[in-house]
Full PDB file with SEQRES, HELIX, SHEET, SSBOND, CRYST1, ORIGX, SCALE, CONECT and MASTER records, all heavy atoms in Angstrom:
SEQRES   1 A   38  THR LEU VAL PRO PRO ALA GLU ARG PRO TYR VAL ARG VAL          
SEQRES   2 A   38  VAL GLU GLY ALA THR ARG GLU ALA LEU ALA TYR ALA ARG          
SEQRES   3 A   38  ALA ALA VAL VAL ALA SER GLY THR ALA THR LEU GLU              
HELIX    1 AA1 PRO A    5  TYR A   10  5                                   6    
HELIX    2 AA2 THR A   18  ALA A   23  1                                   6    
HELIX    3 AA3 THR A   34  LEU A   37  1                                   4    
CRYST1    1.000    1.000    1.000  90.00  90.00  90.00 P 1           1          
ORIGX1      1.000000  0.000000  0.000000        0.00000                         
ORIGX2      0.000000  1.000000  0.000000        0.00000                         
ORIGX3      0.000000  0.000000  1.000000        0.00000                         
SCALE1      1.000000  0.000000  0.000000        0.00000                         
SCALE2      0.000000  1.000000  0.000000        0.00000                         
SCALE3      0.000000  0.000000  1.000000        0.00000                         
ATOM      1  N   THR A   1    -100.312 -25.887  -5.024  1.00  0.00           N  
ATOM      2  CA  THR A   1    -100.784 -25.371  -3.727  1.00  0.00           C  
ATOM      3  C   THR A   1     -99.672 -25.342  -2.689  1.00  0.00           C  
ATOM      4  O   THR A   1     -99.790 -24.635  -1.679  1.00  0.00           O  
ATOM      5  CB  THR A   1    -101.938 -26.226  -3.180  1.00  0.00           C  
ATOM      6  OG1 THR A   1    -101.459 -27.535  -2.806  1.00  0.00           O  
ATOM      7  CG2 THR A   1    -103.051 -26.370  -4.200  1.00  0.00           C  
ATOM      8  N   LEU A   2     -98.599 -26.111  -2.916  1.00  0.00           N  
ATOM      9  CA  LEU A   2     -97.519 -26.197  -1.931  1.00  0.00           C  
ATOM     10  C   LEU A   2     -96.442 -25.134  -2.128  1.00  0.00           C  
ATOM     11  O   LEU A   2     -95.585 -24.971  -1.259  1.00  0.00           O  
ATOM     12  CB  LEU A   2     -96.879 -27.588  -1.986  1.00  0.00           C  
ATOM     13  CG  LEU A   2     -97.786 -28.757  -1.580  1.00  0.00           C  
ATOM     14  CD1 LEU A   2     -97.075 -30.089  -1.797  1.00  0.00           C  
ATOM     15  CD2 LEU A   2     -98.216 -28.626  -0.125  1.00  0.00           C  
ATOM     16  N   VAL A   3     -96.459 -24.441  -3.258  1.00  0.00           N  
ATOM     17  CA  VAL A   3     -95.464 -23.388  -3.486  1.00  0.00           C  
ATOM     18  C   VAL A   3     -95.835 -22.175  -2.627  1.00  0.00           C  
ATOM     19  O   VAL A   3     -96.937 -21.639  -2.752  1.00  0.00           O  
ATOM     20  CB  VAL A   3     -95.412 -22.980  -4.965  1.00  0.00           C  
ATOM     21  CG1 VAL A   3     -94.392 -21.862  -5.173  1.00  0.00           C  
ATOM     22  CG2 VAL A   3     -95.069 -24.184  -5.838  1.00  0.00           C  
ATOM     23  N   PRO A   4     -94.940 -21.721  -1.741  1.00  0.00           N  
ATOM     24  CA  PRO A   4     -95.253 -20.556  -0.910  1.00  0.00           C  
ATOM     25  C   PRO A   4     -95.542 -19.327  -1.777  1.00  0.00           C  
ATOM     26  O   PRO A   4     -94.912 -19.140  -2.828  1.00  0.00           O  
ATOM     27  CB  PRO A   4     -93.979 -20.365  -0.079  1.00  0.00           C  
ATOM     28  CG  PRO A   4     -93.299 -21.697  -0.087  1.00  0.00           C  
ATOM     29  CD  PRO A   4     -93.626 -22.294  -1.423  1.00  0.00           C  
ATOM     30  N   PRO A   5     -96.481 -18.484  -1.373  1.00  0.00           N  
ATOM     31  CA  PRO A   5     -96.831 -17.309  -2.192  1.00  0.00           C  
ATOM     32  C   PRO A   5     -95.633 -16.457  -2.570  1.00  0.00           C  
ATOM     33  O   PRO A   5     -95.558 -15.961  -3.706  1.00  0.00           O  
ATOM     34  CB  PRO A   5     -97.813 -16.547  -1.288  1.00  0.00           C  
ATOM     35  CG  PRO A   5     -98.446 -17.617  -0.451  1.00  0.00           C  
ATOM     36  CD  PRO A   5     -97.355 -18.619  -0.201  1.00  0.00           C  
ATOM     37  N   ALA A   6     -94.672 -16.303  -1.646  1.00  0.00           N  
ATOM     38  CA  ALA A   6     -93.516 -15.453  -1.932  1.00  0.00           C  
ATOM     39  C   ALA A   6     -92.633 -16.029  -3.039  1.00  0.00           C  
ATOM     40  O   ALA A   6     -91.894 -15.294  -3.693  1.00  0.00           O  
ATOM     41  CB  ALA A   6     -92.690 -15.254  -0.663  1.00  0.00           C  
ATOM     42  N   GLU A   7     -92.716 -17.354  -3.261  1.00  0.00           N  
ATOM     43  CA  GLU A   7     -91.852 -17.998  -4.255  1.00  0.00           C  
ATOM     44  C   GLU A   7     -92.540 -18.212  -5.588  1.00  0.00           C  
ATOM     45  O   GLU A   7     -91.893 -18.596  -6.570  1.00  0.00           O  
ATOM     46  CB  GLU A   7     -91.362 -19.350  -3.711  1.00  0.00           C  
ATOM     47  CG  GLU A   7     -90.457 -19.250  -2.496  1.00  0.00           C  
ATOM     48  CD  GLU A   7     -89.209 -18.428  -2.776  1.00  0.00           C  
ATOM     49  OE1 GLU A   7     -88.607 -18.603  -3.857  1.00  0.00           O  
ATOM     50  OE2 GLU A   7     -88.841 -17.605  -1.928  1.00  0.00           O  
ATOM     51  N   ARG A   8     -93.841 -17.973  -5.674  1.00  0.00           N  
ATOM     52  CA  ARG A   8     -94.576 -18.298  -6.897  1.00  0.00           C  
ATOM     53  C   ARG A   8     -94.072 -17.577  -8.145  1.00  0.00           C  
ATOM     54  O   ARG A   8     -94.092 -18.169  -9.240  1.00  0.00           O  
ATOM     55  CB  ARG A   8     -96.077 -18.048  -6.676  1.00  0.00           C  
ATOM     56  CG  ARG A   8     -96.697 -19.119  -5.789  1.00  0.00           C  
ATOM     57  CD  ARG A   8     -98.139 -18.862  -5.453  1.00  0.00           C  
ATOM     58  NE  ARG A   8     -98.601 -19.859  -4.489  1.00  0.00           N  
ATOM     59  CZ  ARG A   8     -99.719 -19.768  -3.789  1.00  0.00           C  
ATOM     60  NH1 ARG A   8    -100.503 -18.699  -3.949  1.00  0.00           N  
ATOM     61  NH2 ARG A   8    -100.057 -20.719  -2.939  1.00  0.00           N  
ATOM     62  N   PRO A   9     -93.598 -16.340  -8.050  1.00  0.00           N  
ATOM     63  CA  PRO A   9     -93.070 -15.717  -9.274  1.00  0.00           C  
ATOM     64  C   PRO A   9     -91.835 -16.419  -9.838  1.00  0.00           C  
ATOM     65  O   PRO A   9     -91.492 -16.227 -11.010  1.00  0.00           O  
ATOM     66  CB  PRO A   9     -92.725 -14.291  -8.829  1.00  0.00           C  
ATOM     67  CG  PRO A   9     -93.564 -14.057  -7.616  1.00  0.00           C  
ATOM     68  CD  PRO A   9     -93.621 -15.381  -6.931  1.00  0.00           C  
ATOM     69  N   TYR A  10     -91.163 -17.228  -9.021  1.00  0.00           N  
ATOM     70  CA  TYR A  10     -89.879 -17.823  -9.408  1.00  0.00           C  
ATOM     71  C   TYR A  10     -89.973 -19.331  -9.640  1.00  0.00           C  
ATOM     72  O   TYR A  10     -88.969 -19.965  -9.953  1.00  0.00           O  
ATOM     73  CB  TYR A  10     -88.840 -17.545  -8.325  1.00  0.00           C  
ATOM     74  CG  TYR A  10     -88.859 -16.113  -7.853  1.00  0.00           C  
ATOM     75  CD1 TYR A  10     -89.411 -15.769  -6.609  1.00  0.00           C  
ATOM     76  CD2 TYR A  10     -88.369 -15.078  -8.658  1.00  0.00           C  
ATOM     77  CE1 TYR A  10     -89.451 -14.450  -6.188  1.00  0.00           C  
ATOM     78  CE2 TYR A  10     -88.424 -13.763  -8.241  1.00  0.00           C  
ATOM     79  CZ  TYR A  10     -88.967 -13.449  -7.014  1.00  0.00           C  
ATOM     80  OH  TYR A  10     -89.026 -12.142  -6.592  1.00  0.00           O  
ATOM     81  N   VAL A  11     -91.166 -19.910  -9.486  1.00  0.00           N  
ATOM     82  CA  VAL A  11     -91.343 -21.362  -9.574  1.00  0.00           C  
ATOM     83  C   VAL A  11     -92.373 -21.680 -10.653  1.00  0.00           C  
ATOM     84  O   VAL A  11     -93.430 -21.043 -10.727  1.00  0.00           O  
ATOM     85  CB  VAL A  11     -91.811 -21.945  -8.223  1.00  0.00           C  
ATOM     86  CG1 VAL A  11     -92.076 -23.447  -8.348  1.00  0.00           C  
ATOM     87  CG2 VAL A  11     -90.770 -21.684  -7.132  1.00  0.00           C  
ATOM     88  N   ARG A  12     -92.061 -22.667 -11.492  1.00  0.00           N  
ATOM     89  CA  ARG A  12     -93.022 -23.156 -12.471  1.00  0.00           C  
ATOM     90  C   ARG A  12     -93.264 -24.640 -12.189  1.00  0.00           C  
ATOM     91  O   ARG A  12     -92.316 -25.417 -12.060  1.00  0.00           O  
ATOM     92  CB  ARG A  12     -92.502 -23.001 -13.893  1.00  0.00           C  
ATOM     93  CG  ARG A  12     -92.218 -21.570 -14.292  1.00  0.00           C  
ATOM     94  CD  ARG A  12     -93.486 -20.738 -14.402  1.00  0.00           C  
ATOM     95  NE  ARG A  12     -93.194 -19.370 -14.812  1.00  0.00           N  
ATOM     96  CZ  ARG A  12     -92.944 -18.365 -13.959  1.00  0.00           C  
ATOM     97  NH1 ARG A  12     -92.962 -18.581 -12.646  1.00  0.00           N  
ATOM     98  NH2 ARG A  12     -92.682 -17.153 -14.406  1.00  0.00           N  
ATOM     99  N   VAL A  13     -94.527 -25.014 -12.093  1.00  0.00           N  
ATOM    100  CA  VAL A  13     -94.899 -26.423 -11.943  1.00  0.00           C  
ATOM    101  C   VAL A  13     -95.391 -26.916 -13.295  1.00  0.00           C  
ATOM    102  O   VAL A  13     -96.315 -26.336 -13.876  1.00  0.00           O  
ATOM    103  CB  VAL A  13     -95.989 -26.604 -10.872  1.00  0.00           C  
ATOM    104  CG1 VAL A  13     -96.340 -28.086 -10.724  1.00  0.00           C  
ATOM    105  CG2 VAL A  13     -95.525 -26.037  -9.527  1.00  0.00           C  
ATOM    106  N   VAL A  14     -94.759 -27.964 -13.822  1.00  0.00           N  
ATOM    107  CA  VAL A  14     -95.095 -28.465 -15.153  1.00  0.00           C  
ATOM    108  C   VAL A  14     -95.426 -29.945 -15.057  1.00  0.00           C  
ATOM    109  O   VAL A  14     -94.996 -30.638 -14.130  1.00  0.00           O  
ATOM    110  CB  VAL A  14     -93.943 -28.224 -16.154  1.00  0.00           C  
ATOM    111  CG1 VAL A  14     -93.603 -26.753 -16.245  1.00  0.00           C  
ATOM    112  CG2 VAL A  14     -92.702 -29.033 -15.767  1.00  0.00           C  
ATOM    113  N   GLU A  15     -96.175 -30.422 -16.015  1.00  0.00           N  
ATOM    114  CA  GLU A  15     -96.554 -31.839 -16.042  1.00  0.00           C  
ATOM    115  C   GLU A  15     -96.330 -32.373 -17.447  1.00  0.00           C  
ATOM    116  O   GLU A  15     -96.569 -31.676 -18.444  1.00  0.00           O  
ATOM    117  CB  GLU A  15     -98.021 -31.973 -15.625  1.00  0.00           C  
ATOM    118  CG  GLU A  15     -98.485 -33.418 -15.467  1.00  0.00           C  
ATOM    119  CD  GLU A  15     -99.212 -33.929 -16.689  1.00  0.00           C  
ATOM    120  OE1 GLU A  15     -99.893 -33.130 -17.348  1.00  0.00           O  
ATOM    121  OE2 GLU A  15     -99.070 -35.134 -16.990  1.00  0.00           O  
ATOM    122  N   GLY A  16     -95.790 -33.597 -17.537  1.00  0.00           N  
ATOM    123  CA  GLY A  16     -95.524 -34.183 -18.842  1.00  0.00           C  
ATOM    124  C   GLY A  16     -94.301 -33.624 -19.531  1.00  0.00           C  
ATOM    125  O   GLY A  16     -94.202 -33.714 -20.762  1.00  0.00           O  
ATOM    126  N   ALA A  17     -93.377 -33.054 -18.797  1.00  0.00           N  
ATOM    127  CA  ALA A  17     -92.198 -32.426 -19.416  1.00  0.00           C  
ATOM    128  C   ALA A  17     -90.942 -32.698 -18.593  1.00  0.00           C  
ATOM    129  O   ALA A  17     -90.077 -31.837 -18.474  1.00  0.00           O  
ATOM    130  CB  ALA A  17     -92.422 -30.927 -19.569  1.00  0.00           C  
ATOM    131  N   THR A  18     -90.834 -33.895 -18.060  1.00  0.00           N  
ATOM    132  CA  THR A  18     -89.685 -34.220 -17.205  1.00  0.00           C  
ATOM    133  C   THR A  18     -88.373 -34.104 -17.960  1.00  0.00           C  
ATOM    134  O   THR A  18     -87.385 -33.576 -17.432  1.00  0.00           O  
ATOM    135  CB  THR A  18     -89.840 -35.640 -16.633  1.00  0.00           C  
ATOM    136  OG1 THR A  18     -91.023 -35.697 -15.835  1.00  0.00           O  
ATOM    137  CG2 THR A  18     -88.637 -36.005 -15.772  1.00  0.00           C  
ATOM    138  N   ARG A  19     -88.333 -34.599 -19.200  1.00  0.00           N  
ATOM    139  CA  ARG A  19     -87.075 -34.554 -19.956  1.00  0.00           C  
ATOM    140  C   ARG A  19     -86.597 -33.125 -20.138  1.00  0.00           C  
ATOM    141  O   ARG A  19     -85.411 -32.823 -19.951  1.00  0.00           O  
ATOM    142  CB  ARG A  19     -87.254 -35.205 -21.324  1.00  0.00           C  
ATOM    143  CG  ARG A  19     -87.328 -36.711 -21.308  1.00  0.00           C  
ATOM    144  CD  ARG A  19     -87.573 -37.241 -22.702  1.00  0.00           C  
ATOM    145  NE  ARG A  19     -88.858 -36.802 -23.227  1.00  0.00           N  
ATOM    146  CZ  ARG A  19     -89.199 -36.817 -24.517  1.00  0.00           C  
ATOM    147  NH1 ARG A  19     -88.321 -37.216 -25.422  1.00  0.00           N  
ATOM    148  NH2 ARG A  19     -90.381 -36.425 -24.914  1.00  0.00           N  
ATOM    149  N   GLU A  20     -87.511 -32.225 -20.512  1.00  0.00           N  
ATOM    150  CA  GLU A  20     -87.133 -30.828 -20.720  1.00  0.00           C  
ATOM    151  C   GLU A  20     -86.696 -30.182 -19.420  1.00  0.00           C  
ATOM    152  O   GLU A  20     -85.714 -29.421 -19.375  1.00  0.00           O  
ATOM    153  CB  GLU A  20     -88.295 -30.048 -21.334  1.00  0.00           C  
ATOM    154  CG  GLU A  20     -88.598 -30.395 -22.780  1.00  0.00           C  
ATOM    155  CD  GLU A  20     -89.572 -31.550 -22.917  1.00  0.00           C  
ATOM    156  OE1 GLU A  20     -89.855 -32.225 -21.895  1.00  0.00           O  
ATOM    157  OE2 GLU A  20     -90.061 -31.779 -24.041  1.00  0.00           O  
ATOM    158  N   ALA A  21     -87.421 -30.475 -18.343  1.00  0.00           N  
ATOM    159  CA  ALA A  21     -87.068 -29.894 -17.046  1.00  0.00           C  
ATOM    160  C   ALA A  21     -85.663 -30.297 -16.640  1.00  0.00           C  
ATOM    161  O   ALA A  21     -84.877 -29.476 -16.139  1.00  0.00           O  
ATOM    162  CB  ALA A  21     -88.078 -30.318 -15.982  1.00  0.00           C  
ATOM    163  N   LEU A  22     -85.315 -31.564 -16.862  1.00  0.00           N  
ATOM    164  CA  LEU A  22     -83.996 -32.061 -16.466  1.00  0.00           C  
ATOM    165  C   LEU A  22     -82.903 -31.661 -17.456  1.00  0.00           C  
ATOM    166  O   LEU A  22     -81.813 -31.245 -17.061  1.00  0.00           O  
ATOM    167  CB  LEU A  22     -84.029 -33.582 -16.342  1.00  0.00           C  
ATOM    168  CG  LEU A  22     -84.838 -34.173 -15.194  1.00  0.00           C  
ATOM    169  CD1 LEU A  22     -84.896 -35.692 -15.303  1.00  0.00           C  
ATOM    170  CD2 LEU A  22     -84.237 -33.777 -13.843  1.00  0.00           C  
ATOM    171  N   ALA A  23     -83.193 -31.795 -18.745  1.00  0.00           N  
ATOM    172  CA  ALA A  23     -82.144 -31.604 -19.751  1.00  0.00           C  
ATOM    173  C   ALA A  23     -81.599 -30.191 -19.745  1.00  0.00           C  
ATOM    174  O   ALA A  23     -80.391 -29.979 -19.969  1.00  0.00           O  
ATOM    175  CB  ALA A  23     -82.683 -31.948 -21.136  1.00  0.00           C  
ATOM    176  N   TYR A  24     -82.452 -29.190 -19.487  1.00  0.00           N  
ATOM    177  CA  TYR A  24     -82.030 -27.800 -19.591  1.00  0.00           C  
ATOM    178  C   TYR A  24     -81.785 -27.154 -18.233  1.00  0.00           C  
ATOM    179  O   TYR A  24     -81.525 -25.953 -18.152  1.00  0.00           O  
ATOM    180  CB  TYR A  24     -83.075 -27.008 -20.373  1.00  0.00           C  
ATOM    181  CG  TYR A  24     -83.293 -27.522 -21.778  1.00  0.00           C  
ATOM    182  CD1 TYR A  24     -84.581 -27.758 -22.261  1.00  0.00           C  
ATOM    183  CD2 TYR A  24     -82.213 -27.776 -22.622  1.00  0.00           C  
ATOM    184  CE1 TYR A  24     -84.782 -28.226 -23.557  1.00  0.00           C  
ATOM    185  CE2 TYR A  24     -82.409 -28.253 -23.906  1.00  0.00           C  
ATOM    186  CZ  TYR A  24     -83.694 -28.476 -24.372  1.00  0.00           C  
ATOM    187  OH  TYR A  24     -83.880 -28.932 -25.655  1.00  0.00           O  
ATOM    188  N   ALA A  25     -81.850 -27.947 -17.174  1.00  0.00           N  
ATOM    189  CA  ALA A  25     -81.588 -27.410 -15.840  1.00  0.00           C  
ATOM    190  C   ALA A  25     -80.083 -27.262 -15.606  1.00  0.00           C  
ATOM    191  O   ALA A  25     -79.275 -28.014 -16.161  1.00  0.00           O  
ATOM    192  CB  ALA A  25     -82.178 -28.331 -14.775  1.00  0.00           C  
ATOM    193  N   ARG A  26     -79.739 -26.315 -14.769  1.00  0.00           N  
ATOM    194  CA  ARG A  26     -78.339 -26.197 -14.358  1.00  0.00           C  
ATOM    195  C   ARG A  26     -77.998 -27.313 -13.378  1.00  0.00           C  
ATOM    196  O   ARG A  26     -76.860 -27.832 -13.381  1.00  0.00           O  
ATOM    197  CB  ARG A  26     -78.072 -24.832 -13.732  1.00  0.00           C  
ATOM    198  CG  ARG A  26     -76.608 -24.634 -13.338  1.00  0.00           C  
ATOM    199  CD  ARG A  26     -76.269 -23.194 -13.033  1.00  0.00           C  
ATOM    200  NE  ARG A  26     -74.875 -23.065 -12.634  1.00  0.00           N  
ATOM    201  CZ  ARG A  26     -73.843 -23.000 -13.472  1.00  0.00           C  
ATOM    202  NH1 ARG A  26     -74.062 -23.055 -14.778  1.00  0.00           N  
ATOM    203  NH2 ARG A  26     -72.605 -22.871 -13.028  1.00  0.00           N  
ATOM    204  N   ALA A  27     -78.961 -27.696 -12.562  1.00  0.00           N  
ATOM    205  CA  ALA A  27     -78.799 -28.794 -11.617  1.00  0.00           C  
ATOM    206  C   ALA A  27     -80.187 -29.278 -11.247  1.00  0.00           C  
ATOM    207  O   ALA A  27     -81.194 -28.652 -11.584  1.00  0.00           O  
ATOM    208  CB  ALA A  27     -78.019 -28.360 -10.374  1.00  0.00           C  
ATOM    209  N   ALA A  28     -80.259 -30.405 -10.544  1.00  0.00           N  
ATOM    210  CA  ALA A  28     -81.551 -30.999 -10.202  1.00  0.00           C  
ATOM    211  C   ALA A  28     -81.487 -31.641  -8.828  1.00  0.00           C  
ATOM    212  O   ALA A  28     -80.412 -32.048  -8.363  1.00  0.00           O  
ATOM    213  CB  ALA A  28     -81.954 -32.038 -11.247  1.00  0.00           C  
ATOM    214  N   VAL A  29     -82.647 -31.725  -8.196  1.00  0.00           N  
ATOM    215  CA  VAL A  29     -82.820 -32.521  -6.978  1.00  0.00           C  
ATOM    216  C   VAL A  29     -83.932 -33.509  -7.288  1.00  0.00           C  
ATOM    217  O   VAL A  29     -85.053 -33.106  -7.627  1.00  0.00           O  
ATOM    218  CB  VAL A  29     -83.184 -31.654  -5.765  1.00  0.00           C  
ATOM    219  CG1 VAL A  29     -83.221 -32.522  -4.505  1.00  0.00           C  
ATOM    220  CG2 VAL A  29     -82.197 -30.506  -5.592  1.00  0.00           C  
ATOM    221  N   VAL A  30     -83.630 -34.808  -7.180  1.00  0.00           N  
ATOM    222  CA  VAL A  30     -84.503 -35.831  -7.744  1.00  0.00           C  
ATOM    223  C   VAL A  30     -84.770 -36.922  -6.715  1.00  0.00           C  
ATOM    224  O   VAL A  30     -83.841 -37.435  -6.075  1.00  0.00           O  
ATOM    225  CB  VAL A  30     -83.862 -36.454  -9.002  1.00  0.00           C  
ATOM    226  CG1 VAL A  30     -84.800 -37.459  -9.647  1.00  0.00           C  
ATOM    227  CG2 VAL A  30     -83.480 -35.367 -10.001  1.00  0.00           C  
ATOM    228  N   ALA A  31     -86.047 -37.298  -6.574  1.00  0.00           N  
ATOM    229  CA  ALA A  31     -86.405 -38.425  -5.714  1.00  0.00           C  
ATOM    230  C   ALA A  31     -85.775 -39.702  -6.255  1.00  0.00           C  
ATOM    231  O   ALA A  31     -85.755 -39.950  -7.462  1.00  0.00           O  
ATOM    232  CB  ALA A  31     -87.917 -38.563  -5.645  1.00  0.00           C  
ATOM    233  N   SER A  32     -85.279 -40.531  -5.354  1.00  0.00           N  
ATOM    234  CA  SER A  32     -84.605 -41.760  -5.749  1.00  0.00           C  
ATOM    235  C   SER A  32     -85.493 -42.616  -6.639  1.00  0.00           C  
ATOM    236  O   SER A  32     -86.681 -42.787  -6.391  1.00  0.00           O  
ATOM    237  CB  SER A  32     -84.226 -42.557  -4.495  1.00  0.00           C  
ATOM    238  OG  SER A  32     -83.609 -43.774  -4.829  1.00  0.00           O  
ATOM    239  N   GLY A  33     -84.907 -43.151  -7.697  1.00  0.00           N  
ATOM    240  CA  GLY A  33     -85.647 -43.980  -8.634  1.00  0.00           C  
ATOM    241  C   GLY A  33     -85.108 -43.815 -10.036  1.00  0.00           C  
ATOM    242  O   GLY A  33     -84.005 -43.287 -10.251  1.00  0.00           O  
ATOM    243  N   THR A  34     -85.904 -44.238 -11.017  1.00  0.00           N  
ATOM    244  CA  THR A  34     -85.473 -44.193 -12.407  1.00  0.00           C  
ATOM    245  C   THR A  34     -85.145 -42.778 -12.876  1.00  0.00           C  
ATOM    246  O   THR A  34     -84.267 -42.586 -13.722  1.00  0.00           O  
ATOM    247  CB  THR A  34     -86.562 -44.800 -13.307  1.00  0.00           C  
ATOM    248  OG1 THR A  34     -86.838 -46.137 -12.882  1.00  0.00           O  
ATOM    249  CG2 THR A  34     -86.113 -44.831 -14.758  1.00  0.00           C  
ATOM    250  N   ALA A  35     -85.835 -41.775 -12.316  1.00  0.00           N  
ATOM    251  CA  ALA A  35     -85.593 -40.398 -12.757  1.00  0.00           C  
ATOM    252  C   ALA A  35     -84.166 -39.952 -12.482  1.00  0.00           C  
ATOM    253  O   ALA A  35     -83.639 -39.084 -13.186  1.00  0.00           O  
ATOM    254  CB  ALA A  35     -86.579 -39.443 -12.089  1.00  0.00           C  
ATOM    255  N   THR A  36     -83.513 -40.514 -11.470  1.00  0.00           N  
ATOM    256  CA  THR A  36     -82.113 -40.151 -11.218  1.00  0.00           C  
ATOM    257  C   THR A  36     -81.230 -40.621 -12.374  1.00  0.00           C  
ATOM    258  O   THR A  36     -80.300 -39.918 -12.772  1.00  0.00           O  
ATOM    259  CB  THR A  36     -81.598 -40.745  -9.892  1.00  0.00           C  
ATOM    260  OG1 THR A  36     -81.501 -42.173  -9.982  1.00  0.00           O  
ATOM    261  CG2 THR A  36     -82.507 -40.376  -8.733  1.00  0.00           C  
ATOM    262  N   LEU A  37     -81.551 -41.790 -12.901  1.00  0.00           N  
ATOM    263  CA  LEU A  37     -80.784 -42.306 -14.036  1.00  0.00           C  
ATOM    264  C   LEU A  37     -81.064 -41.483 -15.287  1.00  0.00           C  
ATOM    265  O   LEU A  37     -80.153 -41.191 -16.070  1.00  0.00           O  
ATOM    266  CB  LEU A  37     -81.143 -43.770 -14.265  1.00  0.00           C  
ATOM    267  CG  LEU A  37     -80.242 -44.562 -15.210  1.00  0.00           C  
ATOM    268  CD1 LEU A  37     -78.804 -44.552 -14.733  1.00  0.00           C  
ATOM    269  CD2 LEU A  37     -80.757 -45.992 -15.334  1.00  0.00           C  
ATOM    270  N   GLU A  38     -82.327 -41.084 -15.472  1.00  0.00           N  
ATOM    271  CA  GLU A  38     -82.677 -40.223 -16.601  1.00  0.00           C  
ATOM    272  C   GLU A  38     -81.919 -38.903 -16.527  1.00  0.00           C  
ATOM    273  O   GLU A  38     -81.376 -38.428 -17.533  1.00  0.00           O  
ATOM    274  CB  GLU A  38     -84.181 -39.963 -16.586  1.00  0.00           C  
ATOM    275  CG  GLU A  38     -84.701 -39.145 -17.743  1.00  0.00           C  
ATOM    276  CD  GLU A  38     -86.210 -39.002 -17.732  1.00  0.00           C  
ATOM    277  OE1 GLU A  38     -86.844 -39.353 -16.722  1.00  0.00           O  
ATOM    278  OE2 GLU A  38     -86.755 -38.526 -18.739  1.00  0.00           O  
TER     279      GLU A  38                                                      
MASTER        0    0    0    3    0    0    0    6  278    1    0    3          
END                                                                             
């Protein structure tokens, strides 16, 4: 619900796939915590 309508064609929201989202990304922006180490 937070993705602006103009950006929805370019944004995918996924659940249960953090490793894939991070491993194959060109870069990431990550909330401080264990996920930064991952």
